[in-house]
Amino acid sequence: PVHIADDPLTAVAEGTGRVLQELQFLKRVASSSRT
């Protein structure tokens, strides 16, 4: 499914914030997928 945001800039800011909150987890996932 595709969702078109009402305010794309806010969507990008919120997504970036979520990534930064989960940065350590994402680093572990990225490093484990390389092996």
N, C-alpha and C. Protein backbone atom coordinates (compact mmCIF):
# COMPACT_ATOMS: atom_id res chain seq x y z
N PRO A 1 0.81 -1.20 0.00
CA PRO A 1 0.00 0.00 0.00
C PRO A 1 0.86 1.26 0.00
N VAL A 2 0.35 2.27 -0.61
CA VAL A 2 1.05 3.55 -0.69
C VAL A 2 0.27 4.58 0.12
N HIS A 3 1.00 5.36 0.90
CA HIS A 3 0.38 6.43 1.68
C HIS A 3 1.05 7.74 1.30
N ILE A 4 0.27 8.69 0.85
CA ILE A 4 0.80 10.00 0.51
C ILE A 4 0.56 10.92 1.70
N ALA A 5 1.66 11.41 2.28
CA ALA A 5 1.56 12.23 3.48
C ALA A 5 0.96 13.59 3.16
N ASP A 6 0.19 14.09 4.11
CA ASP A 6 -0.35 15.44 3.97
C ASP A 6 0.77 16.48 4.02
N ASP A 7 1.78 16.21 4.85
CA ASP A 7 2.90 17.13 5.01
C ASP A 7 4.20 16.32 4.92
N PRO A 8 4.75 16.16 3.72
CA PRO A 8 5.93 15.31 3.52
C PRO A 8 7.12 15.70 4.38
N LEU A 9 7.35 16.98 4.60
CA LEU A 9 8.50 17.40 5.40
C LEU A 9 8.37 16.92 6.84
N THR A 10 7.18 16.98 7.39
CA THR A 10 6.95 16.47 8.74
C THR A 10 7.15 14.97 8.78
N ALA A 11 6.72 14.26 7.75
CA ALA A 11 6.91 12.82 7.70
C ALA A 11 8.39 12.46 7.69
N VAL A 12 9.19 13.20 6.95
CA VAL A 12 10.63 12.96 6.92
C VAL A 12 11.24 13.23 8.28
N ALA A 13 10.84 14.33 8.91
CA ALA A 13 11.38 14.68 10.23
C ALA A 13 11.01 13.62 11.26
N GLU A 14 9.79 13.14 11.24
CA GLU A 14 9.37 12.12 12.20
C GLU A 14 10.10 10.80 11.94
N GLY A 15 10.27 10.43 10.69
CA GLY A 15 11.00 9.21 10.36
C GLY A 15 12.45 9.28 10.79
N THR A 16 13.08 10.42 10.58
CA THR A 16 14.46 10.61 11.00
C THR A 16 14.56 10.52 12.52
N GLY A 17 13.62 11.10 13.22
CA GLY A 17 13.61 11.02 14.68
C GLY A 17 13.49 9.59 15.16
N ARG A 18 12.67 8.80 14.51
CA ARG A 18 12.52 7.40 14.90
C ARG A 18 13.81 6.62 14.66
N VAL A 19 14.47 6.89 13.55
CA VAL A 19 15.75 6.22 13.27
C VAL A 19 16.77 6.57 14.34
N LEU A 20 16.84 7.84 14.70
CA LEU A 20 17.81 8.27 15.70
C LEU A 20 17.51 7.65 17.06
N GLN A 21 16.25 7.45 17.39
CA GLN A 21 15.88 6.83 18.66
C GLN A 21 16.31 5.36 18.69
N GLU A 22 16.33 4.72 17.56
CA GLU A 22 16.65 3.29 17.48
C GLU A 22 18.01 3.03 16.84
N LEU A 23 18.91 3.99 16.92
CA LEU A 23 20.17 3.89 16.20
C LEU A 23 21.00 2.68 16.61
N GLN A 24 21.13 2.40 17.91
CA GLN A 24 21.93 1.26 18.36
C GLN A 24 21.34 -0.05 17.84
N PHE A 25 20.02 -0.19 17.89
CA PHE A 25 19.38 -1.39 17.37
C PHE A 25 19.64 -1.55 15.88
N LEU A 26 19.51 -0.46 15.13
CA LEU A 26 19.72 -0.53 13.69
C LEU A 26 21.17 -0.86 13.35
N LYS A 27 22.11 -0.39 14.16
CA LYS A 27 23.52 -0.74 13.94
C LYS A 27 23.73 -2.24 14.11
N ARG A 28 23.10 -2.82 15.16
CA ARG A 28 23.23 -4.26 15.39
C ARG A 28 22.62 -5.05 14.24
N VAL A 29 21.47 -4.62 13.78
CA VAL A 29 20.80 -5.32 12.67
C VAL A 29 21.64 -5.24 11.41
N ALA A 30 22.18 -4.06 11.12
CA ALA A 30 22.99 -3.89 9.92
C ALA A 30 24.25 -4.72 9.98
N SER A 31 24.90 -4.78 11.14
CA SER A 31 26.15 -5.53 11.23
C SER A 31 25.89 -7.02 11.19
N SER A 32 24.77 -7.49 11.72
CA SER A 32 24.49 -8.93 11.70
C SER A 32 24.07 -9.39 10.31
N SER A 33 23.53 -8.51 9.50
CA SER A 33 23.09 -8.92 8.16
C SER A 33 24.25 -8.98 7.17
N ARG A 34 25.40 -8.45 7.55
CA ARG A 34 26.57 -8.49 6.66
C ARG A 34 27.26 -9.84 6.67
N THR A 35 27.01 -10.65 7.69
CA THR A 35 27.70 -11.94 7.79
C THR A 35 26.93 -13.04 7.12
